[in-house]
Amino acid sequence: MTTGLTLLVLRFAFLAVLWLFVFVIVFALRSDLFGQRVRTVPTDPKAGASGPTTPTVPAAAAAAPAGAGAFTEIIGQPAGGQQRPSATGTPTRLVITEGSREGLEMPLGGGPITIGRSSESNVVIRDDYTSTNHARLDLRADGWVLSDLESTNGTFVDGQKVTAPVHVAERTPITIGTTTFELRR
């Protein structure tokens, strides 16, 4: 009788471990496909956890300079922000020339611009060949510099793979995944 009871307990334990494994796999797939969940905070401290909530500002957007904030807002729809004047001759817009968002133009701010699949990126590219944090554009005194952030499939400037930070000239094609864009004035 003891062996029958032991065998039954072992069967249930094995079934529980199997279901735990299935849930871990489903959670990993969900987070990979849809990104991380946006956390919410109560708008009224007295409302408690059951009160109305608003989404928090992602850490990357909160730490970004004012110019990058306007850039983030324009991804979904125009934010009405002013473009930076081109006094130095540096590009002030990013134009998508190939991909699912072809023809979309976005003003560039003065701060770093992150590109990737993450919802916290300034430029969100939803495609299977783009890493969560794929690349970054930085404005320096001598122009825009593109850095690959150790992406899986690489970042390409004019057909050449980026292995170190590289200066990007105006109208030079930058390819990330299936999306190609250019910097323009």
N, C-alpha and C. Protein backbone atom coordinates (compact mmCIF):
# COMPACT_ATOMS: atom_id res chain seq x y z
N MET A 1 0.82 -1.19 0.00
CA MET A 1 0.00 0.00 0.00
C MET A 1 0.86 1.25 0.00
N THR A 2 1.97 1.23 0.72
CA THR A 2 2.86 2.38 0.77
C THR A 2 3.45 2.67 -0.60
N THR A 3 3.79 1.67 -1.36
CA THR A 3 4.37 1.91 -2.68
C THR A 3 3.34 2.51 -3.63
N GLY A 4 2.06 2.11 -3.51
CA GLY A 4 1.00 2.69 -4.34
C GLY A 4 0.80 4.16 -4.03
N LEU A 5 0.81 4.52 -2.75
CA LEU A 5 0.65 5.91 -2.34
C LEU A 5 1.86 6.74 -2.78
N THR A 6 3.05 6.20 -2.63
CA THR A 6 4.26 6.88 -3.06
C THR A 6 4.25 7.12 -4.57
N LEU A 7 3.83 6.12 -5.31
CA LEU A 7 3.76 6.24 -6.77
C LEU A 7 2.75 7.32 -7.17
N LEU A 8 1.61 7.38 -6.49
CA LEU A 8 0.60 8.40 -6.78
C LEU A 8 1.14 9.81 -6.50
N VAL A 9 1.82 9.99 -5.37
CA VAL A 9 2.41 11.29 -5.02
C VAL A 9 3.46 11.68 -6.06
N LEU A 10 4.29 10.74 -6.49
CA LEU A 10 5.31 11.04 -7.50
C LEU A 10 4.68 11.43 -8.83
N ARG A 11 3.58 10.78 -9.20
CA ARG A 11 2.88 11.14 -10.44
C ARG A 11 2.37 12.57 -10.40
N PHE A 12 1.73 12.95 -9.27
CA PHE A 12 1.23 14.31 -9.13
C PHE A 12 2.37 15.33 -9.12
N ALA A 13 3.48 15.01 -8.47
CA ALA A 13 4.64 15.91 -8.45
C ALA A 13 5.20 16.09 -9.86
N PHE A 14 5.30 14.99 -10.59
CA PHE A 14 5.79 15.08 -11.97
C PHE A 14 4.85 15.91 -12.82
N LEU A 15 3.53 15.74 -12.65
CA LEU A 15 2.54 16.52 -13.39
C LEU A 15 2.66 18.01 -13.04
N ALA A 16 2.86 18.32 -11.77
CA ALA A 16 3.01 19.73 -11.35
C ALA A 16 4.27 20.35 -11.96
N VAL A 17 5.37 19.62 -11.96
CA VAL A 17 6.62 20.13 -12.55
C VAL A 17 6.45 20.31 -14.06
N LEU A 18 5.75 19.41 -14.71
CA LEU A 18 5.50 19.52 -16.15
C LEU A 18 4.69 20.77 -16.46
N TRP A 19 3.63 21.03 -15.70
CA TRP A 19 2.82 22.23 -15.93
C TRP A 19 3.62 23.50 -15.62
N LEU A 20 4.45 23.47 -14.61
CA LEU A 20 5.30 24.62 -14.30
C LEU A 20 6.21 24.91 -15.48
N PHE A 21 6.79 23.88 -16.06
CA PHE A 21 7.65 24.04 -17.24
C PHE A 21 6.87 24.65 -18.41
N VAL A 22 5.64 24.20 -18.64
CA VAL A 22 4.81 24.74 -19.72
C VAL A 22 4.54 26.23 -19.49
N PHE A 23 4.20 26.61 -18.25
CA PHE A 23 3.93 28.02 -17.95
C PHE A 23 5.17 28.89 -18.13
N VAL A 24 6.34 28.39 -17.76
CA VAL A 24 7.58 29.15 -17.96
C VAL A 24 7.84 29.37 -19.44
N ILE A 25 7.63 28.36 -20.26
CA ILE A 25 7.84 28.48 -21.71
C ILE A 25 6.85 29.48 -22.30
N VAL A 26 5.58 29.41 -21.93
CA VAL A 26 4.57 30.33 -22.44
C VAL A 26 4.91 31.76 -22.02
N PHE A 27 5.32 31.97 -20.78
CA PHE A 27 5.68 33.31 -20.32
C PHE A 27 6.88 33.86 -21.10
N ALA A 28 7.88 33.02 -21.34
CA ALA A 28 9.06 33.45 -22.10
C ALA A 28 8.68 33.81 -23.53
N LEU A 29 7.84 33.03 -24.15
CA LEU A 29 7.40 33.35 -25.52
C LEU A 29 6.59 34.63 -25.55
N ARG A 30 5.69 34.81 -24.58
CA ARG A 30 4.87 36.02 -24.54
C ARG A 30 5.73 37.27 -24.37
N SER A 31 6.70 37.23 -23.48
CA SER A 31 7.54 38.40 -23.27
C SER A 31 8.44 38.66 -24.48
N ASP A 32 8.85 37.62 -25.18
CA ASP A 32 9.66 37.81 -26.38
C ASP A 32 8.84 38.40 -27.52
N LEU A 33 7.61 37.96 -27.67
CA LEU A 33 6.77 38.44 -28.76
C LEU A 33 6.18 39.82 -28.49
N PHE A 34 5.76 40.08 -27.27
CA PHE A 34 5.04 41.31 -26.97
C PHE A 34 5.80 42.30 -26.11
N GLY A 35 7.00 42.00 -25.68
CA GLY A 35 7.79 42.92 -24.86
C GLY A 35 7.37 42.87 -23.40
N GLN A 36 8.00 43.73 -22.63
CA GLN A 36 7.73 43.75 -21.20
C GLN A 36 6.43 44.49 -20.92
N ARG A 37 5.78 44.10 -19.84
CA ARG A 37 4.53 44.73 -19.43
C ARG A 37 4.82 46.14 -18.90
N VAL A 38 3.97 47.10 -19.27
CA VAL A 38 4.11 48.47 -18.78
C VAL A 38 3.53 48.53 -17.39
N ARG A 39 4.30 49.03 -16.46
CA ARG A 39 3.84 49.12 -15.08
C ARG A 39 2.94 50.34 -14.92
N THR A 40 1.99 50.24 -14.01
CA THR A 40 1.10 51.36 -13.74
C THR A 40 1.25 51.79 -12.29
N VAL A 41 1.01 53.07 -12.05
CA VAL A 41 1.06 53.60 -10.69
C VAL A 41 -0.24 54.34 -10.42
N PRO A 42 -0.71 54.35 -9.18
CA PRO A 42 -1.94 55.07 -8.88
C PRO A 42 -1.75 56.57 -9.10
N THR A 43 -2.79 57.23 -9.65
CA THR A 43 -2.73 58.68 -9.83
C THR A 43 -3.01 59.40 -8.52
N ASP A 44 -3.80 58.77 -7.68
CA ASP A 44 -4.13 59.34 -6.38
C ASP A 44 -3.59 58.42 -5.30
N PRO A 45 -2.64 58.88 -4.47
CA PRO A 45 -2.06 58.00 -3.46
C PRO A 45 -3.11 57.44 -2.50
N LYS A 46 -4.25 58.13 -2.28
CA LYS A 46 -5.29 57.66 -1.38
C LYS A 46 -6.16 56.59 -2.02
N ALA A 47 -6.10 56.49 -3.38
CA ALA A 47 -6.94 55.53 -4.09
C ALA A 47 -6.48 54.10 -3.86
N GLY A 48 -5.21 53.90 -3.52
CA GLY A 48 -4.68 52.57 -3.27
C GLY A 48 -4.50 51.80 -4.56
N ALA A 49 -4.33 50.49 -4.43
CA ALA A 49 -4.06 49.65 -5.59
C ALA A 49 -5.28 49.50 -6.48
N SER A 50 -6.50 49.70 -5.95
CA SER A 50 -7.69 49.50 -6.76
C SER A 50 -8.13 50.76 -7.49
N GLY A 51 -7.46 51.89 -7.27
CA GLY A 51 -7.84 53.15 -7.88
C GLY A 51 -7.41 53.24 -9.32
N PRO A 52 -7.75 54.37 -9.99
CA PRO A 52 -7.37 54.54 -11.38
C PRO A 52 -5.86 54.60 -11.53
N THR A 53 -5.39 54.12 -12.67
CA THR A 53 -3.95 54.08 -12.89
C THR A 53 -3.60 54.72 -14.22
N THR A 54 -2.36 55.19 -14.29
CA THR A 54 -1.84 55.73 -15.54
C THR A 54 -0.50 55.07 -15.80
N PRO A 55 -0.13 54.88 -17.07
CA PRO A 55 1.15 54.25 -17.35
C PRO A 55 2.30 55.14 -16.92
N THR A 56 3.36 54.50 -16.46
CA THR A 56 4.55 55.23 -16.08
C THR A 56 5.35 55.57 -17.32
N VAL A 57 6.20 56.57 -17.23
CA VAL A 57 7.08 56.94 -18.33
C VAL A 57 8.25 55.98 -18.32
N PRO A 58 8.59 55.34 -19.45
CA PRO A 58 9.73 54.44 -19.47
C PRO A 58 11.00 55.16 -19.04
N ALA A 59 11.91 54.40 -18.41
CA ALA A 59 13.15 54.99 -17.89
C ALA A 59 13.96 55.67 -18.98
N ALA A 60 14.01 55.09 -20.18
CA ALA A 60 14.79 55.68 -21.27
C ALA A 60 14.21 57.03 -21.68
N ALA A 61 12.87 57.13 -21.71
CA ALA A 61 12.25 58.39 -22.10
C ALA A 61 12.40 59.43 -21.01
N ALA A 62 12.35 59.01 -19.74
CA ALA A 62 12.48 59.95 -18.64
C ALA A 62 13.88 60.53 -18.58
N ALA A 63 14.89 59.73 -18.93
CA ALA A 63 16.26 60.20 -18.86
C ALA A 63 16.70 60.92 -20.12
N ALA A 64 15.91 60.84 -21.18
CA ALA A 64 16.29 61.45 -22.46
C ALA A 64 16.15 62.96 -22.40
N PRO A 65 16.97 63.70 -23.15
CA PRO A 65 16.87 65.14 -23.20
C PRO A 65 15.56 65.57 -23.87
N ALA A 66 15.25 66.85 -23.77
CA ALA A 66 14.00 67.37 -24.30
C ALA A 66 13.85 67.09 -25.79
N GLY A 67 14.91 67.19 -26.56
CA GLY A 67 14.82 66.94 -28.00
C GLY A 67 14.44 65.51 -28.30
N ALA A 68 14.92 64.57 -27.53
CA ALA A 68 14.60 63.16 -27.76
C ALA A 68 13.17 62.87 -27.35
N GLY A 69 12.62 63.61 -26.39
CA GLY A 69 11.25 63.42 -25.98
C GLY A 69 10.28 63.70 -27.12
N ALA A 70 10.50 64.79 -27.84
CA ALA A 70 9.65 65.11 -28.98
C ALA A 70 9.78 64.03 -30.04
N PHE A 71 10.95 63.46 -30.18
CA PHE A 71 11.19 62.41 -31.16
C PHE A 71 10.37 61.18 -30.79
N THR A 72 10.33 60.85 -29.50
CA THR A 72 9.58 59.69 -29.05
C THR A 72 8.09 59.87 -29.33
N GLU A 73 7.56 61.06 -29.10
CA GLU A 73 6.14 61.31 -29.28
C GLU A 73 5.71 61.20 -30.73
N ILE A 74 6.57 61.52 -31.66
CA ILE A 74 6.17 61.56 -33.05
C ILE A 74 6.09 60.19 -33.71
N ILE A 75 6.56 59.15 -33.03
CA ILE A 75 6.54 57.82 -33.63
C ILE A 75 5.12 57.43 -34.01
N GLY A 76 4.18 57.58 -33.11
CA GLY A 76 2.81 57.19 -33.41
C GLY A 76 2.06 58.23 -34.20
N GLN A 77 2.25 59.50 -33.87
CA GLN A 77 1.58 60.60 -34.54
C GLN A 77 2.38 61.87 -34.31
N PRO A 78 2.21 62.88 -35.14
CA PRO A 78 3.00 64.11 -34.98
C PRO A 78 2.76 64.74 -33.62
N ALA A 79 3.86 65.18 -33.00
CA ALA A 79 3.78 65.79 -31.67
C ALA A 79 3.67 67.31 -31.76
N GLY A 80 3.91 67.88 -32.91
CA GLY A 80 3.83 69.31 -33.06
C GLY A 80 5.09 70.02 -32.57
N GLY A 81 6.14 69.25 -32.26
CA GLY A 81 7.39 69.85 -31.80
C GLY A 81 8.13 70.52 -32.95
N GLN A 82 8.96 71.47 -32.63
CA GLN A 82 9.71 72.18 -33.66
C GLN A 82 10.98 71.43 -34.01
N GLN A 83 11.35 71.45 -35.27
CA GLN A 83 12.61 70.86 -35.67
C GLN A 83 13.75 71.79 -35.30
N ARG A 84 14.87 71.20 -35.02
CA ARG A 84 16.07 71.95 -34.71
C ARG A 84 16.58 72.58 -35.99
N PRO A 85 16.90 73.87 -36.02
CA PRO A 85 17.41 74.48 -37.24
C PRO A 85 18.75 73.87 -37.66
N SER A 86 18.98 73.80 -38.93
CA SER A 86 20.19 73.17 -39.45
C SER A 86 21.31 74.20 -39.64
N ALA A 87 21.74 74.80 -38.54
CA ALA A 87 22.78 75.81 -38.60
C ALA A 87 24.13 75.20 -38.93
N THR A 88 24.38 73.97 -38.44
CA THR A 88 25.68 73.34 -38.65
C THR A 88 25.69 72.46 -39.89
N GLY A 89 24.55 72.29 -40.54
CA GLY A 89 24.50 71.43 -41.71
C GLY A 89 24.27 69.98 -41.36
N THR A 90 23.98 69.67 -40.10
CA THR A 90 23.72 68.29 -39.71
C THR A 90 22.26 67.95 -40.02
N PRO A 91 22.00 66.69 -40.34
CA PRO A 91 20.62 66.28 -40.61
C PRO A 91 19.71 66.52 -39.41
N THR A 92 18.45 66.86 -39.70
CA THR A 92 17.47 67.14 -38.65
C THR A 92 16.27 66.19 -38.70
N ARG A 93 16.23 65.29 -39.71
CA ARG A 93 15.11 64.35 -39.82
C ARG A 93 15.62 62.95 -40.11
N LEU A 94 14.84 61.97 -39.70
CA LEU A 94 15.10 60.58 -40.03
C LEU A 94 13.94 60.15 -40.94
N VAL A 95 14.26 59.62 -42.13
CA VAL A 95 13.25 59.23 -43.11
C VAL A 95 13.38 57.73 -43.38
N ILE A 96 12.30 56.99 -43.20
CA ILE A 96 12.30 55.56 -43.49
C ILE A 96 12.06 55.39 -44.98
N THR A 97 13.03 54.75 -45.67
CA THR A 97 12.96 54.60 -47.12
C THR A 97 12.51 53.22 -47.56
N GLU A 98 12.65 52.20 -46.70
CA GLU A 98 12.18 50.85 -47.01
C GLU A 98 11.71 50.20 -45.72
N GLY A 99 10.69 49.35 -45.84
CA GLY A 99 10.18 48.63 -44.68
C GLY A 99 8.71 48.89 -44.48
N SER A 100 8.19 48.40 -43.36
CA SER A 100 6.76 48.50 -43.10
C SER A 100 6.29 49.94 -42.88
N ARG A 101 7.16 50.82 -42.49
CA ARG A 101 6.79 52.23 -42.25
C ARG A 101 7.40 53.16 -43.30
N GLU A 102 7.58 52.67 -44.50
CA GLU A 102 8.20 53.45 -45.57
C GLU A 102 7.49 54.79 -45.76
N GLY A 103 8.28 55.85 -45.90
CA GLY A 103 7.75 57.19 -46.10
C GLY A 103 7.58 57.99 -44.82
N LEU A 104 7.68 57.36 -43.67
CA LEU A 104 7.53 58.05 -42.39
C LEU A 104 8.75 58.93 -42.13
N GLU A 105 8.52 60.18 -41.75
CA GLU A 105 9.60 61.12 -41.42
C GLU A 105 9.46 61.52 -39.97
N MET A 106 10.60 61.59 -39.27
CA MET A 106 10.60 61.96 -37.86
C MET A 106 11.69 63.00 -37.62
N PRO A 107 11.38 64.05 -36.87
CA PRO A 107 12.43 65.03 -36.54
C PRO A 107 13.41 64.42 -35.54
N LEU A 108 14.67 64.77 -35.69
CA LEU A 108 15.71 64.30 -34.78
C LEU A 108 15.88 65.31 -33.66
N GLY A 109 16.06 64.87 -32.46
CA GLY A 109 16.34 65.76 -31.34
C GLY A 109 17.84 65.93 -31.20
N GLY A 110 18.27 66.43 -30.08
CA GLY A 110 19.70 66.64 -29.87
C GLY A 110 20.37 65.54 -29.07
N GLY A 111 19.59 64.62 -28.54
CA GLY A 111 20.15 63.60 -27.67
C GLY A 111 20.28 62.25 -28.35
N PRO A 112 20.70 61.26 -27.61
CA PRO A 112 20.83 59.92 -28.19
C PRO A 112 19.46 59.37 -28.59
N ILE A 113 19.44 58.63 -29.69
CA ILE A 113 18.22 58.02 -30.20
C ILE A 113 18.46 56.52 -30.24
N THR A 114 17.64 55.78 -29.51
CA THR A 114 17.77 54.33 -29.50
C THR A 114 16.81 53.72 -30.51
N ILE A 115 17.27 52.64 -31.14
CA ILE A 115 16.49 51.97 -32.17
C ILE A 115 16.42 50.50 -31.79
N GLY A 116 15.22 49.92 -31.83
CA GLY A 116 15.08 48.51 -31.52
C GLY A 116 13.64 48.09 -31.43
N ARG A 117 13.45 46.86 -30.99
CA ARG A 117 12.11 46.28 -30.88
C ARG A 117 11.44 46.64 -29.56
N SER A 118 12.22 47.07 -28.58
CA SER A 118 11.69 47.42 -27.26
C SER A 118 10.75 48.61 -27.34
N SER A 119 9.70 48.57 -26.54
CA SER A 119 8.77 49.70 -26.50
C SER A 119 9.41 50.93 -25.86
N GLU A 120 10.55 50.76 -25.20
CA GLU A 120 11.26 51.88 -24.60
C GLU A 120 12.23 52.55 -25.58
N SER A 121 12.37 52.00 -26.78
CA SER A 121 13.24 52.61 -27.79
C SER A 121 12.58 53.86 -28.36
N ASN A 122 13.39 54.82 -28.80
CA ASN A 122 12.85 56.01 -29.44
C ASN A 122 12.25 55.67 -30.80
N VAL A 123 12.92 54.80 -31.54
CA VAL A 123 12.40 54.32 -32.83
C VAL A 123 12.13 52.83 -32.65
N VAL A 124 10.86 52.46 -32.66
CA VAL A 124 10.46 51.07 -32.46
C VAL A 124 10.29 50.41 -33.83
N ILE A 125 11.05 49.34 -34.07
CA ILE A 125 10.96 48.58 -35.31
C ILE A 125 10.47 47.19 -34.94
N ARG A 126 9.28 46.85 -35.36
CA ARG A 126 8.69 45.55 -35.07
C ARG A 126 8.99 44.60 -36.23
N ASP A 127 10.06 43.86 -36.11
CA ASP A 127 10.35 42.83 -37.10
C ASP A 127 11.25 41.79 -36.47
N ASP A 128 11.23 40.59 -37.04
CA ASP A 128 11.93 39.45 -36.45
C ASP A 128 13.44 39.58 -36.49
N TYR A 129 13.98 40.47 -37.31
CA TYR A 129 15.42 40.59 -37.48
C TYR A 129 16.00 41.75 -36.68
N THR A 130 15.19 42.39 -35.85
CA THR A 130 15.63 43.52 -35.04
C THR A 130 15.73 43.08 -33.59
N SER A 131 16.85 43.42 -32.93
CA SER A 131 17.04 43.08 -31.52
C SER A 131 16.25 44.05 -30.64
N THR A 132 16.07 43.68 -29.39
CA THR A 132 15.33 44.52 -28.45
C THR A 132 15.99 45.90 -28.35
N ASN A 133 17.28 45.95 -28.14
CA ASN A 133 18.06 47.19 -28.15
C ASN A 133 19.10 47.01 -29.25
N HIS A 134 18.81 47.52 -30.43
CA HIS A 134 19.60 47.19 -31.62
C HIS A 134 20.74 48.18 -31.88
N ALA A 135 20.42 49.48 -31.94
CA ALA A 135 21.44 50.47 -32.29
C ALA A 135 21.12 51.80 -31.61
N ARG A 136 22.11 52.72 -31.66
CA ARG A 136 21.93 54.05 -31.07
C ARG A 136 22.58 55.09 -31.97
N LEU A 137 21.88 56.19 -32.17
CA LEU A 137 22.41 57.35 -32.90
C LEU A 137 22.73 58.44 -31.88
N ASP A 138 23.94 58.97 -31.94
CA ASP A 138 24.35 60.05 -31.04
C ASP A 138 24.75 61.26 -31.86
N LEU A 139 24.31 62.46 -31.44
CA LEU A 139 24.72 63.69 -32.11
C LEU A 139 25.98 64.21 -31.43
N ARG A 140 27.04 64.34 -32.23
CA ARG A 140 28.30 64.89 -31.73
C ARG A 140 28.61 66.15 -32.50
N ALA A 141 29.66 66.83 -32.14
CA ALA A 141 30.02 68.10 -32.78
C ALA A 141 30.25 67.94 -34.28
N ASP A 142 30.76 66.78 -34.71
CA ASP A 142 31.05 66.58 -36.12
C ASP A 142 29.95 65.81 -36.85
N GLY A 143 28.77 65.61 -36.24
CA GLY A 143 27.65 64.97 -36.91
C GLY A 143 27.11 63.77 -36.13
N TRP A 144 26.25 63.01 -36.80
CA TRP A 144 25.61 61.86 -36.18
C TRP A 144 26.52 60.64 -36.22
N VAL A 145 26.57 59.90 -35.10
CA VAL A 145 27.39 58.69 -34.99
C VAL A 145 26.45 57.52 -34.66
N LEU A 146 26.58 56.43 -35.42
CA LEU A 146 25.75 55.24 -35.22
C LEU A 146 26.58 54.15 -34.54
N SER A 147 26.01 53.55 -33.49
CA SER A 147 26.66 52.45 -32.77
C SER A 147 25.71 51.26 -32.76
N ASP A 148 26.25 50.08 -33.05
CA ASP A 148 25.48 48.85 -32.93
C ASP A 148 25.56 48.40 -31.48
N LEU A 149 24.44 48.03 -30.88
CA LEU A 149 24.40 47.65 -29.47
C LEU A 149 24.43 46.13 -29.32
N GLU A 150 25.43 45.51 -29.98
CA GLU A 150 25.62 44.06 -29.93
C GLU A 150 24.37 43.31 -30.38
N SER A 151 23.79 43.77 -31.48
CA SER A 151 22.58 43.14 -32.01
C SER A 151 22.91 41.78 -32.61
N THR A 152 21.91 40.95 -32.70
CA THR A 152 22.08 39.61 -33.24
C THR A 152 22.36 39.62 -34.74
N ASN A 153 21.57 40.39 -35.50
CA ASN A 153 21.68 40.38 -36.95
C ASN A 153 22.49 41.54 -37.54
N GLY A 154 22.97 42.43 -36.70
CA GLY A 154 23.84 43.50 -37.16
C GLY A 154 23.12 44.73 -37.68
N THR A 155 23.89 45.80 -37.77
CA THR A 155 23.44 47.08 -38.31
C THR A 155 24.35 47.39 -39.49
N PHE A 156 23.76 47.90 -40.58
CA PHE A 156 24.52 48.13 -41.80
C PHE A 156 24.40 49.58 -42.24
N VAL A 157 25.53 50.20 -42.58
CA VAL A 157 25.57 51.54 -43.13
C VAL A 157 26.12 51.44 -44.55
N ASP A 158 25.30 51.78 -45.51
CA ASP A 158 25.67 51.71 -46.93
C ASP A 158 26.17 50.31 -47.29
N GLY A 159 25.51 49.28 -46.74
CA GLY A 159 25.85 47.89 -47.04
C GLY A 159 26.98 47.30 -46.22
N GLN A 160 27.67 48.10 -45.42
CA GLN A 160 28.79 47.62 -44.61
C GLN A 160 28.33 47.42 -43.16
N LYS A 161 28.69 46.28 -42.58
CA LYS A 161 28.31 45.99 -41.20
C LYS A 161 29.04 46.91 -40.23
N VAL A 162 28.31 47.44 -39.27
CA VAL A 162 28.87 48.34 -38.25
C VAL A 162 29.48 47.50 -37.14
N THR A 163 30.80 47.62 -36.94
CA THR A 163 31.48 46.90 -35.86
C THR A 163 31.99 47.85 -34.78
N ALA A 164 32.10 49.13 -35.13
CA ALA A 164 32.52 50.17 -34.19
C ALA A 164 31.69 51.41 -34.52
N PRO A 165 31.58 52.37 -33.59
CA PRO A 165 30.81 53.58 -33.89
C PRO A 165 31.29 54.23 -35.20
N VAL A 166 30.33 54.62 -36.05
CA VAL A 166 30.66 55.16 -37.36
C VAL A 166 29.86 56.44 -37.61
N HIS A 167 30.51 57.44 -38.22
CA HIS A 167 29.82 58.67 -38.60
C HIS A 167 28.91 58.38 -39.78
N VAL A 168 27.71 58.94 -39.74
CA VAL A 168 26.73 58.71 -40.80
C VAL A 168 26.51 60.01 -41.55
N ALA A 169 26.82 59.99 -42.85
CA ALA A 169 26.62 61.16 -43.69
C ALA A 169 25.14 61.25 -44.09
N GLU A 170 24.73 62.45 -44.48
CA GLU A 170 23.37 62.66 -44.93
C GLU A 170 23.06 61.77 -46.14
N ARG A 171 21.86 61.23 -46.17
CA ARG A 171 21.34 60.37 -47.25
C ARG A 171 22.10 59.05 -47.43
N THR A 172 22.81 58.61 -46.40
CA THR A 172 23.48 57.31 -46.43
C THR A 172 22.50 56.29 -45.87
N PRO A 173 22.21 55.19 -46.61
CA PRO A 173 21.24 54.21 -46.11
C PRO A 173 21.75 53.45 -44.88
N ILE A 174 20.90 53.38 -43.87
CA ILE A 174 21.15 52.63 -42.65
C ILE A 174 20.11 51.51 -42.61
N THR A 175 20.56 50.26 -42.51
CA THR A 175 19.64 49.13 -42.53
C THR A 175 19.68 48.38 -41.20
N ILE A 176 18.50 48.23 -40.61
CA ILE A 176 18.32 47.46 -39.38
C ILE A 176 17.17 46.51 -39.65
N GLY A 177 17.46 45.22 -39.64
CA GLY A 177 16.43 44.23 -39.96
C GLY A 177 15.96 44.42 -41.39
N THR A 178 14.66 44.59 -41.58
CA THR A 178 14.10 44.81 -42.91
C THR A 178 13.78 46.28 -43.16
N THR A 179 14.20 47.15 -42.27
CA THR A 179 13.92 48.58 -42.38
C THR A 179 15.18 49.34 -42.77
N THR A 180 15.06 50.22 -43.76
CA THR A 180 16.16 51.09 -44.17
C THR A 180 15.73 52.53 -44.00
N PHE A 181 16.60 53.36 -43.44
CA PHE A 181 16.29 54.77 -43.27
C PHE A 181 17.51 55.60 -43.55
N GLU A 182 17.30 56.92 -43.70
CA GLU A 182 18.37 57.88 -43.98
C GLU A 182 18.19 59.09 -43.08
N LEU A 183 19.30 59.77 -42.84
CA LEU A 183 19.28 61.04 -42.15
C LEU A 183 19.25 62.14 -43.19
N ARG A 184 18.35 63.10 -43.05
CA ARG A 184 18.21 64.19 -44.01
C ARG A 184 18.02 65.51 -43.29
N ARG A 185 18.28 66.62 -44.03
CA ARG A 185 18.06 67.95 -43.48
C ARG A 185 16.63 68.38 -43.68
